[in-house]
Amino acid sequence: MGRNGEIRDELPVHTVTVKGFLIGKYEVTVKEFREFTKAKNRSFPIAPGWGWNDNDPIVNISWNDARDYCQWLSDTLKKTYRLPTEAEWEFAARGGKYSQGYAYSGSNTLQDVAWCFANASARTHAVGLKKPNELGIYDMSGNAWEWCYDWYGSYGFQAQTNPTGPGTGSTRIYRGGSWFDYGLGASDCRVETRYGYTPNSIATDSGFRIVKEM
């Protein structure tokens, strides 16, 4: 995990081992999240400026909303669903054991695999329209940022197995970049880029994907 460079929170590069897991091929969509809100009789998120489209990734949701969705899905399907840990997310974004070492999830050319500031026309797009990465997963770079389970914290030098981040904190991990440019340009969408946001934060480019435990 991590990357050698000037961005401190991506340092140090360190070795991580993760156990087997299943991760969503796509980001959770507007249609899927609507099923949850109807079942739980809770308000649907505020619509972004471009409106809701069923096959777009759900946005304007907090980490708390994403956690609640996972709990509802677990209760409904009698399986364990949750947000990916940061280590699981990066493993999947890099292409797992089939990784070709790309800068972005599936390519060194951002626009081949991502809806980003340069090509998205300031909005999300339906999931799965760009090229997948080496594992057949879509949109891990661009389209919508994805919440991870972990509290935000600094990396260490030691090798780790199945890390879940600090035990407490004030911000949760955000990964993958989006259609919006926060000032880093294409760097936002790199597989190593990480941010922390408060669990109740919402934005028109904040979404998530799910993990199913094996």
C-alpha atoms as a PDB file:
ATOM      1  CA  MET A   1       0.000   0.000   0.000  1.00  0.00           C
ATOM      2  CA  GLY A   2       0.991   3.599  -0.528  1.00  0.00           C
ATOM      3  CA  ARG A   3       3.212   5.435  -2.970  1.00  0.00           C
ATOM      4  CA  ASN A   4       6.632   7.035  -2.833  1.00  0.00           C
ATOM      5  CA  GLY A   5       6.351  10.736  -3.470  1.00  0.00           C
ATOM      6  CA  GLU A   6       5.665  14.108  -1.880  1.00  0.00           C
ATOM      7  CA  ILE A   7       2.227  13.316  -0.458  1.00  0.00           C
ATOM      8  CA  ARG A   8       2.852  12.437   3.162  1.00  0.00           C
ATOM      9  CA  ASP A   9      -0.288  10.454   3.886  1.00  0.00           C
ATOM     10  CA  GLU A  10       0.638   7.940   1.158  1.00  0.00           C
ATOM     11  CA  LEU A  11       3.925   7.201   2.957  1.00  0.00           C
ATOM     12  CA  PRO A  12       5.514   4.926   3.867  1.00  0.00           C
ATOM     13  CA  VAL A  13       4.950   2.222   1.266  1.00  0.00           C
ATOM     14  CA  HIS A  14       4.305  -0.943   3.257  1.00  0.00           C
ATOM     15  CA  THR A  15       3.264  -4.556   2.777  1.00  0.00           C
ATOM     16  CA  VAL A  16      -0.283  -5.649   3.569  1.00  0.00           C
ATOM     17  CA  THR A  17      -1.928  -9.074   3.403  1.00  0.00           C
ATOM     18  CA  VAL A  18      -5.718  -9.371   3.188  1.00  0.00           C
ATOM     19  CA  LYS A  19      -7.915 -12.438   3.518  1.00  0.00           C
ATOM     20  CA  GLY A  20     -10.328 -13.426   0.758  1.00  0.00           C
ATOM     21  CA  PHE A  21     -13.361 -11.193   0.217  1.00  0.00           C
ATOM     22  CA  LEU A  22     -15.944 -10.333  -2.423  1.00  0.00           C
ATOM     23  CA  ILE A  23     -16.317  -6.710  -3.518  1.00  0.00           C
ATOM     24  CA  GLY A  24     -18.981  -5.035  -5.610  1.00  0.00           C
ATOM     25  CA  LYS A  25     -18.330  -5.018  -9.342  1.00  0.00           C
ATOM     26  CA  TYR A  26     -20.028  -1.613  -9.420  1.00  0.00           C
ATOM     27  CA  GLU A  27     -20.634   1.252  -7.028  1.00  0.00           C
ATOM     28  CA  VAL A  28     -24.009   1.057  -5.270  1.00  0.00           C
ATOM     29  CA  THR A  29     -26.534   2.678  -7.592  1.00  0.00           C
ATOM     30  CA  VAL A  30     -29.380   5.120  -7.114  1.00  0.00           C
ATOM     31  CA  LYS A  31     -31.884   2.314  -7.779  1.00  0.00           C
ATOM     32  CA  GLU A  32     -30.307   0.033  -5.168  1.00  0.00           C
ATOM     33  CA  PHE A  33     -30.173   2.751  -2.547  1.00  0.00           C
ATOM     34  CA  ARG A  34     -33.819   3.672  -3.223  1.00  0.00           C
ATOM     35  CA  GLU A  35     -34.856   0.113  -2.331  1.00  0.00           C
ATOM     36  CA  PHE A  36     -33.158   0.578   1.034  1.00  0.00           C
ATOM     37  CA  THR A  37     -34.787   3.911   1.799  1.00  0.00           C
ATOM     38  CA  LYS A  38     -38.231   2.579   0.891  1.00  0.00           C
ATOM     39  CA  ALA A  39     -37.779  -0.529   3.024  1.00  0.00           C
ATOM     40  CA  LYS A  40     -36.585   1.520   6.009  1.00  0.00           C
ATOM     41  CA  ASN A  41     -39.044   4.380   5.459  1.00  0.00           C
ATOM     42  CA  ARG A  42     -36.301   6.975   5.464  1.00  0.00           C
ATOM     43  CA  SER A  43     -35.809  10.062   3.340  1.00  0.00           C
ATOM     44  CA  PHE A  44     -33.987   9.784   0.050  1.00  0.00           C
ATOM     45  CA  PRO A  45     -30.856  11.935  -0.261  1.00  0.00           C
ATOM     46  CA  ILE A  46     -31.031  15.410  -1.773  1.00  0.00           C
ATOM     47  CA  ALA A  47     -30.792  15.179  -5.563  1.00  0.00           C
ATOM     48  CA  PRO A  48     -27.677  16.556  -7.251  1.00  0.00           C
ATOM     49  CA  GLY A  49     -28.104  19.275  -9.847  1.00  0.00           C
ATOM     50  CA  TRP A  50     -28.410  16.808 -12.707  1.00  0.00           C
ATOM     51  CA  GLY A  51     -31.133  14.792 -10.959  1.00  0.00           C
ATOM     52  CA  TRP A  52     -31.380  11.103 -10.177  1.00  0.00           C
ATOM     53  CA  ASN A  53     -30.668   8.390 -12.735  1.00  0.00           C
ATOM     54  CA  ASP A  54     -31.226   4.806 -11.625  1.00  0.00           C
ATOM     55  CA  ASN A  55     -27.923   3.411 -12.918  1.00  0.00           C
ATOM     56  CA  ASP A  56     -25.710   6.229 -11.652  1.00  0.00           C
ATOM     57  CA  PRO A  57     -23.824   5.720  -8.393  1.00  0.00           C
ATOM     58  CA  ILE A  58     -25.726   7.030  -5.402  1.00  0.00           C
ATOM     59  CA  VAL A  59     -24.235  10.291  -4.095  1.00  0.00           C
ATOM     60  CA  ASN A  60     -24.991  12.818  -1.379  1.00  0.00           C
ATOM     61  CA  ILE A  61     -24.722  10.093   1.232  1.00  0.00           C
ATOM     62  CA  SER A  62     -22.653  10.048   4.383  1.00  0.00           C
ATOM     63  CA  TRP A  63     -20.496   7.270   5.807  1.00  0.00           C
ATOM     64  CA  ASN A  64     -23.293   6.695   8.298  1.00  0.00           C
ATOM     65  CA  ASP A  65     -25.797   6.233   5.442  1.00  0.00           C
ATOM     66  CA  ALA A  66     -23.490   3.750   3.717  1.00  0.00           C
ATOM     67  CA  ARG A  67     -23.043   1.788   6.950  1.00  0.00           C
ATOM     68  CA  ASP A  68     -26.809   1.656   7.456  1.00  0.00           C
ATOM     69  CA  TYR A  69     -27.315   0.367   3.913  1.00  0.00           C
ATOM     70  CA  CYS A  70     -24.836  -2.446   4.548  1.00  0.00           C
ATOM     71  CA  GLN A  71     -26.590  -3.376   7.787  1.00  0.00           C
ATOM     72  CA  TRP A  72     -29.984  -3.441   6.047  1.00  0.00           C
ATOM     73  CA  LEU A  73     -28.633  -5.600   3.231  1.00  0.00           C
ATOM     74  CA  SER A  74     -27.068  -7.989   5.748  1.00  0.00           C
ATOM     75  CA  ASP A  75     -30.334  -8.293   7.648  1.00  0.00           C
ATOM     76  CA  THR A  76     -32.338  -8.740   4.441  1.00  0.00           C
ATOM     77  CA  LEU A  77     -30.137 -11.328   2.718  1.00  0.00           C
ATOM     78  CA  LYS A  78     -28.821 -13.052   5.872  1.00  0.00           C
ATOM     79  CA  LYS A  79     -25.226 -12.553   4.755  1.00  0.00           C
ATOM     80  CA  THR A  80     -22.584 -10.165   6.051  1.00  0.00           C
ATOM     81  CA  TYR A  81     -22.220  -7.041   3.926  1.00  0.00           C
ATOM     82  CA  ARG A  82     -20.100  -4.054   4.922  1.00  0.00           C
ATOM     83  CA  LEU A  83     -17.901  -1.279   3.648  1.00  0.00           C
ATOM     84  CA  PRO A  84     -14.462  -2.362   2.426  1.00  0.00           C
ATOM     85  CA  THR A  85     -11.491  -1.703   4.637  1.00  0.00           C
ATOM     86  CA  GLU A  86      -8.999   0.695   3.129  1.00  0.00           C
ATOM     87  CA  ALA A  87      -6.589  -2.193   2.520  1.00  0.00           C
ATOM     88  CA  GLU A  88      -9.261  -4.255   0.761  1.00  0.00           C
ATOM     89  CA  TRP A  89     -10.238  -1.254  -1.336  1.00  0.00           C
ATOM     90  CA  GLU A  90      -6.676  -0.590  -2.483  1.00  0.00           C
ATOM     91  CA  PHE A  91      -6.023  -4.281  -3.159  1.00  0.00           C
ATOM     92  CA  ALA A  92      -9.101  -4.416  -5.406  1.00  0.00           C
ATOM     93  CA  ALA A  93      -8.354  -1.077  -7.082  1.00  0.00           C
ATOM     94  CA  ARG A  94      -4.834  -2.216  -7.947  1.00  0.00           C
ATOM     95  CA  GLY A  95      -6.189  -5.337  -9.636  1.00  0.00           C
ATOM     96  CA  GLY A  96      -5.355  -7.813  -6.879  1.00  0.00           C
ATOM     97  CA  LYS A  97      -2.962 -10.588  -7.847  1.00  0.00           C
ATOM     98  CA  TYR A  98      -3.473  -9.694 -11.519  1.00  0.00           C
ATOM     99  CA  SER A  99      -2.231  -6.129 -11.015  1.00  0.00           C
ATOM    100  CA  GLN A 100      -0.292  -4.573 -13.872  1.00  0.00           C
ATOM    101  CA  GLY A 101       0.859  -1.711 -11.654  1.00  0.00           C
ATOM    102  CA  TYR A 102      -1.285   0.953 -13.289  1.00  0.00           C
ATOM    103  CA  ALA A 103      -1.549   4.457 -11.867  1.00  0.00           C
ATOM    104  CA  TYR A 104      -5.348   4.302 -12.039  1.00  0.00           C
ATOM    105  CA  SER A 105      -7.647   1.360 -11.514  1.00  0.00           C
ATOM    106  CA  GLY A 106      -7.179  -0.535 -14.775  1.00  0.00           C
ATOM    107  CA  SER A 107      -5.053   1.811 -16.865  1.00  0.00           C
ATOM    108  CA  ASN A 108      -2.354   4.451 -16.984  1.00  0.00           C
ATOM    109  CA  THR A 109      -4.746   6.544 -19.119  1.00  0.00           C
ATOM    110  CA  LEU A 110      -7.304   8.000 -16.736  1.00  0.00           C
ATOM    111  CA  GLN A 111     -10.103   8.664 -19.209  1.00  0.00           C
ATOM    112  CA  ASP A 112     -10.125   5.013 -20.323  1.00  0.00           C
ATOM    113  CA  VAL A 113     -11.316   3.881 -16.905  1.00  0.00           C
ATOM    114  CA  ALA A 114     -12.776   6.928 -15.162  1.00  0.00           C
ATOM    115  CA  TRP A 115     -15.357   9.659 -15.319  1.00  0.00           C
ATOM    116  CA  CYS A 116     -13.218  12.545 -14.159  1.00  0.00           C
ATOM    117  CA  PHE A 117     -13.032  16.323 -14.312  1.00  0.00           C
ATOM    118  CA  ALA A 118     -11.814  16.237 -17.917  1.00  0.00           C
ATOM    119  CA  ASN A 119     -14.634  14.147 -19.388  1.00  0.00           C
ATOM    120  CA  ALA A 120     -17.587  13.903 -16.998  1.00  0.00           C
ATOM    121  CA  SER A 121     -19.307  17.242 -17.759  1.00  0.00           C
ATOM    122  CA  ALA A 122     -19.585  17.924 -14.018  1.00  0.00           C
ATOM    123  CA  ARG A 123     -21.794  14.960 -13.085  1.00  0.00           C
ATOM    124  CA  THR A 124     -21.852  11.238 -12.390  1.00  0.00           C
ATOM    125  CA  HIS A 125     -22.545   8.675 -15.114  1.00  0.00           C
ATOM    126  CA  ALA A 126     -24.061   5.202 -15.181  1.00  0.00           C
ATOM    127  CA  VAL A 127     -21.801   2.603 -13.601  1.00  0.00           C
ATOM    128  CA  GLY A 128     -19.872   0.193 -15.803  1.00  0.00           C
ATOM    129  CA  LEU A 129     -19.491   2.351 -18.914  1.00  0.00           C
ATOM    130  CA  LYS A 130     -15.711   2.683 -18.717  1.00  0.00           C
ATOM    131  CA  LYS A 131     -13.169  -0.128 -18.972  1.00  0.00           C
ATOM    132  CA  PRO A 132     -12.877  -2.442 -15.945  1.00  0.00           C
ATOM    133  CA  ASN A 133      -9.659  -3.078 -14.072  1.00  0.00           C
ATOM    134  CA  GLU A 134      -7.705  -6.338 -14.035  1.00  0.00           C
ATOM    135  CA  LEU A 135     -10.288  -7.952 -11.721  1.00  0.00           C
ATOM    136  CA  GLY A 136     -13.275  -6.888 -13.831  1.00  0.00           C
ATOM    137  CA  ILE A 137     -14.292  -4.120 -11.394  1.00  0.00           C
ATOM    138  CA  TYR A 138     -15.600  -0.793 -12.695  1.00  0.00           C
ATOM    139  CA  ASP A 139     -15.251   2.844 -11.607  1.00  0.00           C
ATOM    140  CA  MET A 140     -12.757   2.399  -8.787  1.00  0.00           C
ATOM    141  CA  SER A 141     -11.133   5.482 -10.261  1.00  0.00           C
ATOM    142  CA  GLY A 142     -13.488   8.393 -10.829  1.00  0.00           C
ATOM    143  CA  ASN A 143     -17.279   8.761 -10.998  1.00  0.00           C
ATOM    144  CA  ALA A 144     -17.902   8.904  -7.229  1.00  0.00           C
ATOM    145  CA  TRP A 145     -15.615   8.844  -4.216  1.00  0.00           C
ATOM    146  CA  GLU A 146     -16.072   5.677  -2.158  1.00  0.00           C
ATOM    147  CA  TRP A 147     -16.340   5.468   1.603  1.00  0.00           C
ATOM    148  CA  CYS A 148     -14.204   2.852   3.348  1.00  0.00           C
ATOM    149  CA  TYR A 149     -14.689   1.347   6.787  1.00  0.00           C
ATOM    150  CA  ASP A 150     -11.542   2.735   8.449  1.00  0.00           C
ATOM    151  CA  TRP A 151     -10.983   5.794  10.526  1.00  0.00           C
ATOM    152  CA  TYR A 152      -8.346   7.960   8.862  1.00  0.00           C
ATOM    153  CA  GLY A 153      -4.837   7.477  10.230  1.00  0.00           C
ATOM    154  CA  SER A 154      -1.164   7.565   9.250  1.00  0.00           C
ATOM    155  CA  TYR A 155       0.561   4.547   7.748  1.00  0.00           C
ATOM    156  CA  GLY A 156       3.295   2.653   9.562  1.00  0.00           C
ATOM    157  CA  PHE A 157       6.375   0.845   8.280  1.00  0.00           C
ATOM    158  CA  GLN A 158       5.519  -2.620   9.575  1.00  0.00           C
ATOM    159  CA  ALA A 159       3.843  -5.268   7.439  1.00  0.00           C
ATOM    160  CA  GLN A 160       0.203  -5.828   8.397  1.00  0.00           C
ATOM    161  CA  THR A 161      -2.447  -8.501   7.962  1.00  0.00           C
ATOM    162  CA  ASN A 162      -6.100  -7.519   7.518  1.00  0.00           C
ATOM    163  CA  PRO A 163      -5.679  -3.992   8.918  1.00  0.00           C
ATOM    164  CA  THR A 164      -8.819  -2.047   9.808  1.00  0.00           C
ATOM    165  CA  GLY A 165      -7.283   1.324  10.618  1.00  0.00           C
ATOM    166  CA  PRO A 166      -7.146   3.155  13.951  1.00  0.00           C
ATOM    167  CA  GLY A 167      -9.617   2.196  16.665  1.00  0.00           C
ATOM    168  CA  THR A 168     -11.080   5.689  16.753  1.00  0.00           C
ATOM    169  CA  GLY A 169     -10.833   9.036  15.026  1.00  0.00           C
ATOM    170  CA  SER A 170     -12.723  12.019  13.665  1.00  0.00           C
ATOM    171  CA  THR A 171     -12.738  11.266   9.916  1.00  0.00           C
ATOM    172  CA  ARG A 172     -13.392   8.177   7.795  1.00  0.00           C
ATOM    173  CA  ILE A 173     -11.432   7.139   4.708  1.00  0.00           C
ATOM    174  CA  TYR A 174     -12.537   8.286   1.259  1.00  0.00           C
ATOM    175  CA  ARG A 175     -11.009   6.651  -1.854  1.00  0.00           C
ATOM    176  CA  GLY A 176     -10.982   6.630  -5.648  1.00  0.00           C
ATOM    177  CA  GLY A 177     -11.576  10.148  -6.903  1.00  0.00           C
ATOM    178  CA  SER A 178     -14.665  11.353  -8.730  1.00  0.00           C
ATOM    179  CA  TRP A 179     -16.072  13.505 -11.507  1.00  0.00           C
ATOM    180  CA  PHE A 180     -14.927  16.576  -9.567  1.00  0.00           C
ATOM    181  CA  ASP A 181     -11.408  17.962  -9.266  1.00  0.00           C
ATOM    182  CA  TYR A 182     -10.454  18.978  -5.733  1.00  0.00           C
ATOM    183  CA  GLY A 183      -7.260  20.630  -6.904  1.00  0.00           C
ATOM    184  CA  LEU A 184      -5.072  17.579  -7.479  1.00  0.00           C
ATOM    185  CA  GLY A 185      -6.363  16.916 -10.974  1.00  0.00           C
ATOM    186  CA  ALA A 186      -5.761  13.363 -12.154  1.00  0.00           C
ATOM    187  CA  SER A 187      -3.883  12.590  -8.930  1.00  0.00           C
ATOM    188  CA  ASP A 188      -7.256  12.449  -7.129  1.00  0.00           C
ATOM    189  CA  CYS A 189      -8.086   9.276  -9.039  1.00  0.00           C
ATOM    190  CA  ARG A 190      -4.877   7.325  -8.393  1.00  0.00           C
ATOM    191  CA  VAL A 191      -5.193   3.998  -6.609  1.00  0.00           C
ATOM    192  CA  GLU A 192      -3.144   5.276  -3.649  1.00  0.00           C
ATOM    193  CA  THR A 193      -4.869   8.638  -3.087  1.00  0.00           C
ATOM    194  CA  ARG A 194      -6.631   8.916   0.274  1.00  0.00           C
ATOM    195  CA  TYR A 195      -8.636  11.527   2.137  1.00  0.00           C
ATOM    196  CA  GLY A 196     -10.510  11.702   5.412  1.00  0.00           C
ATOM    197  CA  TYR A 197     -13.973  13.191   5.894  1.00  0.00           C
ATOM    198  CA  THR A 198     -16.301  13.307   8.883  1.00  0.00           C
ATOM    199  CA  PRO A 199     -18.787  10.407   8.916  1.00  0.00           C
ATOM    200  CA  ASN A 200     -21.783  12.716   8.504  1.00  0.00           C
ATOM    201  CA  SER A 201     -20.341  14.595   5.501  1.00  0.00           C
ATOM    202  CA  ILE A 202     -22.223  14.468   2.209  1.00  0.00           C
ATOM    203  CA  ALA A 203     -21.226  15.658  -1.257  1.00  0.00           C
ATOM    204  CA  THR A 204     -22.475  15.360  -4.822  1.00  0.00           C
ATOM    205  CA  ASP A 205     -19.562  13.031  -5.542  1.00  0.00           C
ATOM    206  CA  SER A 206     -19.608  10.803  -2.426  1.00  0.00           C
ATOM    207  CA  GLY A 207     -20.742   7.192  -2.865  1.00  0.00           C
ATOM    208  CA  PHE A 208     -19.652   3.681  -1.937  1.00  0.00           C
ATOM    209  CA  ARG A 209     -19.412   0.021  -2.914  1.00  0.00           C
ATOM    210  CA  ILE A 210     -19.922  -2.993  -0.713  1.00  0.00           C
ATOM    211  CA  VAL A 211     -17.975  -6.018   0.443  1.00  0.00           C
ATOM    212  CA  LYS A 212     -19.512  -9.422   1.138  1.00  0.00           C
ATOM    213  CA  GLU A 213     -17.616 -11.547   3.600  1.00  0.00           C
ATOM    214  CA  MET A 214     -16.729 -15.051   2.432  1.00  0.00           C
END
